[in-house]
Structures are given as structure tokens and as C-alpha cells.
C-alpha atoms as a PDB file:
ATOM      1  CA  UNK A   1      -0.012  -0.061  -0.088  1.00  0.00           C
ATOM      2  CA  UNK A   2       1.031   3.610  -0.343  1.00  0.00           C
ATOM      3  CA  UNK A   3       0.370   6.855   1.399  1.00  0.00           C
ATOM      4  CA  UNK A   4      -1.189   9.364  -0.929  1.00  0.00           C
ATOM      5  CA  UNK A   5      -0.747  13.181  -0.857  1.00  0.00           C
ATOM      6  CA  UNK A   6      -2.586  15.242  -3.444  1.00  0.00           C
ATOM      7  CA  UNK A   7      -0.712  18.516  -4.279  1.00  0.00           C
ATOM      8  CA  UNK A   8      -3.610  20.862  -4.647  1.00  0.00           C
ATOM      9  CA  UNK A   9      -1.598  23.630  -6.465  1.00  0.00           C
ATOM     10  CA  UNK A  10      -0.944  21.519  -9.626  1.00  0.00           C
ATOM     11  CA  UNK A  11      -3.249  18.625  -9.422  1.00  0.00           C
ATOM     12  CA  UNK A  12      -0.676  15.811  -9.058  1.00  0.00           C
ATOM     13  CA  UNK A  13      -0.606  13.036  -6.594  1.00  0.00           C
ATOM     14  CA  UNK A  14       2.421  12.240  -4.598  1.00  0.00           C
ATOM     15  CA  UNK A  15       2.899   8.712  -3.221  1.00  0.00           C
ATOM     16  CA  UNK A  16       4.985   7.402  -0.219  1.00  0.00           C
ATOM     17  CA  UNK A  17       5.719   4.268   1.451  1.00  0.00           C
ATOM     18  CA  UNK A  18       3.083   3.444   4.188  1.00  0.00           C
ATOM     19  CA  UNK A  19       5.818   3.288   6.869  1.00  0.00           C
ATOM     20  CA  UNK A  20       5.475   6.979   6.897  1.00  0.00           C
ATOM     21  CA  UNK A  21       2.019   6.607   8.421  1.00  0.00           C
ATOM     22  CA  UNK A  22       3.330   5.568  11.725  1.00  0.00           C
ATOM     23  CA  UNK A  23       5.717   8.507  11.770  1.00  0.00           C
ATOM     24  CA  UNK A  24       5.057  12.170  12.704  1.00  0.00           C
ATOM     25  CA  UNK A  25       3.692  14.767  10.258  1.00  0.00           C
ATOM     26  CA  UNK A  26       6.861  16.491  10.540  1.00  0.00           C
ATOM     27  CA  UNK A  27       8.520  13.307   9.271  1.00  0.00           C
ATOM     28  CA  UNK A  28       6.095  13.349   6.233  1.00  0.00           C
ATOM     29  CA  UNK A  29       7.203  16.857   5.476  1.00  0.00           C
ATOM     30  CA  UNK A  30      10.753  16.011   5.508  1.00  0.00           C
ATOM     31  CA  UNK A  31       9.982  13.182   3.095  1.00  0.00           C
ATOM     32  CA  UNK A  32       8.118  15.594   0.814  1.00  0.00           C
ATOM     33  CA  UNK A  33      11.069  18.015   0.900  1.00  0.00           C
ATOM     34  CA  UNK A  34      13.599  15.284   0.112  1.00  0.00           C
ATOM     35  CA  UNK A  35      11.585  13.630  -2.686  1.00  0.00           C
ATOM     36  CA  UNK A  36       9.706  16.627  -4.333  1.00  0.00           C
ATOM     37  CA  UNK A  37      11.994  19.534  -3.236  1.00  0.00           C
ATOM     38  CA  UNK A  38       9.007  21.623  -1.531  1.00  0.00           C
ATOM     39  CA  UNK A  39      10.543  23.226   1.494  1.00  0.00           C
ATOM     40  CA  UNK A  40       9.031  22.401   4.771  1.00  0.00           C
ATOM     41  CA  UNK A  41       8.234  26.046   5.540  1.00  0.00           C
ATOM     42  CA  UNK A  42       6.089  26.122   2.351  1.00  0.00           C
ATOM     43  CA  UNK A  43       4.080  23.003   3.162  1.00  0.00           C
ATOM     44  CA  UNK A  44       0.466  23.111   4.421  1.00  0.00           C
ATOM     45  CA  UNK A  45      -0.957  19.549   4.994  1.00  0.00           C
ATOM     46  CA  UNK A  46      -4.735  19.336   5.373  1.00  0.00           C
ATOM     47  CA  UNK A  47      -7.142  16.481   5.790  1.00  0.00           C
ATOM     48  CA  UNK A  48     -10.610  16.101   4.325  1.00  0.00           C
ATOM     49  CA  UNK A  49     -12.784  18.609   6.271  1.00  0.00           C
ATOM     50  CA  UNK A  50     -10.143  21.270   6.422  1.00  0.00           C
ATOM     51  CA  UNK A  51      -8.237  20.192   9.550  1.00  0.00           C
ATOM     52  CA  UNK A  52      -4.598  21.250   9.309  1.00  0.00           C
ATOM     53  CA  UNK A  53      -2.274  18.390  10.231  1.00  0.00           C
ATOM     54  CA  UNK A  54      -0.149  19.084  13.327  1.00  0.00           C
ATOM     55  CA  UNK A  55       3.577  18.497  13.057  1.00  0.00           C
ATOM     56  CA  UNK A  56       3.999  16.528  16.353  1.00  0.00           C
ATOM     57  CA  UNK A  57       1.146  14.113  15.706  1.00  0.00           C
ATOM     58  CA  UNK A  58       1.322  10.680  13.855  1.00  0.00           C
ATOM     59  CA  UNK A  59       0.062  10.794  10.379  1.00  0.00           C
ATOM     60  CA  UNK A  60      -2.034   7.627  11.269  1.00  0.00           C
ATOM     61  CA  UNK A  61      -3.820   9.631  13.840  1.00  0.00           C
ATOM     62  CA  UNK A  62      -5.659  11.167  10.890  1.00  0.00           C
ATOM     63  CA  UNK A  63      -8.069   9.219   8.787  1.00  0.00           C
ATOM     64  CA  UNK A  64      -6.434  10.187   5.611  1.00  0.00           C
ATOM     65  CA  UNK A  65      -3.782   9.193   3.223  1.00  0.00           C
ATOM     66  CA  UNK A  66      -5.545   6.622   0.975  1.00  0.00           C
ATOM     67  CA  UNK A  67      -6.019   6.869  -2.728  1.00  0.00           C
ATOM     68  CA  UNK A  68      -9.765   7.810  -2.169  1.00  0.00           C
ATOM     69  CA  UNK A  69      -9.313  10.093   0.905  1.00  0.00           C
ATOM     70  CA  UNK A  70      -5.675  11.583   0.390  1.00  0.00           C
ATOM     71  CA  UNK A  71      -3.815  14.084   2.475  1.00  0.00           C
ATOM     72  CA  UNK A  72      -3.996  17.556   0.771  1.00  0.00           C
ATOM     73  CA  UNK A  73      -0.690  19.526   0.355  1.00  0.00           C
ATOM     74  CA  UNK A  74      -0.789  23.203  -0.416  1.00  0.00           C
ATOM     75  CA  UNK A  75       2.618  24.864  -1.495  1.00  0.00           C
ATOM     76  CA  UNK A  76       2.694  28.325   0.004  1.00  0.00           C
ATOM     77  CA  UNK A  77       5.457  29.116  -2.401  1.00  0.00           C
ATOM     78  CA  UNK A  78       3.413  28.447  -5.424  1.00  0.00           C
ATOM     79  CA  UNK A  79       0.403  30.329  -4.115  1.00  0.00           C
ATOM     80  CA  UNK A  80       2.581  33.459  -3.299  1.00  0.00           C
ATOM     81  CA  UNK A  81       4.581  33.312  -6.694  1.00  0.00           C
ATOM     82  CA  UNK A  82       3.890  35.634  -9.469  1.00  0.00           C
ATOM     83  CA  UNK A  83       4.252  33.044 -11.979  1.00  0.00           C
ATOM     84  CA  UNK A  84       1.404  30.713 -13.023  1.00  0.00           C
ATOM     85  CA  UNK A  85       1.758  27.112 -11.813  1.00  0.00           C
ATOM     86  CA  UNK A  86       2.374  24.496 -14.274  1.00  0.00           C
ATOM     87  CA  UNK A  87      -0.477  21.946 -14.590  1.00  0.00           C
ATOM     88  CA  UNK A  88       0.331  18.634 -16.024  1.00  0.00           C
ATOM     89  CA  UNK A  89      -1.629  17.785 -19.119  1.00  0.00           C
ATOM     90  CA  UNK A  90      -3.477  14.613 -19.020  1.00  0.00           C
ATOM     91  CA  UNK A  91      -5.274  13.124 -21.844  1.00  0.00           C
ATOM     92  CA  UNK A  92      -7.308   9.719 -21.438  1.00  0.00           C
ATOM     93  CA  UNK A  93      -7.645   7.431 -24.420  1.00  0.00           C
ATOM     94  CA  UNK A  94     -11.287   6.940 -23.658  1.00  0.00           C
ATOM     95  CA  UNK A  95     -11.851  10.733 -23.984  1.00  0.00           C
ATOM     96  CA  UNK A  96     -10.098  10.592 -27.421  1.00  0.00           C
ATOM     97  CA  UNK A  97     -12.191   7.629 -28.483  1.00  0.00           C
ATOM     98  CA  UNK A  98     -15.398   9.151 -27.265  1.00  0.00           C
ATOM     99  CA  UNK A  99     -14.529  12.580 -29.085  1.00  0.00           C
ATOM    100  CA  UNK A 100     -14.056  10.651 -32.359  1.00  0.00           C
ATOM    101  CA  UNK A 101     -17.328   8.770 -31.992  1.00  0.00           C
ATOM    102  CA  UNK A 102     -19.113  12.099 -31.385  1.00  0.00           C
ATOM    103  CA  UNK A 103     -17.535  13.717 -34.455  1.00  0.00           C
ATOM    104  CA  UNK A 104     -18.261  10.602 -36.655  1.00  0.00           C
ATOM    105  CA  UNK A 105     -21.973  10.632 -35.451  1.00  0.00           C
ATOM    106  CA  UNK A 106     -22.302  14.110 -36.713  1.00  0.00           C
ATOM    107  CA  UNK A 107     -21.520  13.165 -40.159  1.00  0.00           C
END
């Protein structure tokens, strides 16, 4: 299993080993910084319902971090930046197929 963190600023999902779930929120922030280069002071971690995660608490004390209920990460640096965030472009093959079928049906 994985620990899921959804990066709100750009819509990407970050994944971590579940061993982080028994560690503190601060340990998770260190892992985010090490793996994704987001400084700890710029990270705001929130669970569903808007509760901010407390650095000293264990990650598993929150009912979040699954693929269907991820931890939400806000990057304050991106929010305060003058440049627009880069949002990854995703194209699903089923969308392309559906678009072709719609176009074909029009003719």
C-alpha cells in the first residue's frame, strides 16, 4: 500500500511508502522535501474537512492518506509566486475515443 498526498496547486498525486503513516507529520514533511523539493516552511498539509495536520502528531492519527481520501498539500511558495503554476496535461484514451465517436456521429 501507499500513502497518498494530493498536491492541490498543480493537481498531481504524490505517493510514499506506508511506513510514513506511523511517523510524525513533520517526518512526512521532511519526506516531501527530500523527494519533491518542496521546502517544509512552504508546506501546508490538510485532511478532508479542512483540518490542518499538526507536526507533532502521527500521520496515522488522521483518517487520511488513502487513494480515495488523500492528504492535501498546499504549497505556499506556489500560491505566493508571481508565475502561474504548471498543470500537467492529461489525456485519457477513452476521452479521445469518445470525441471521435461524437464527431463520426455528426456526419
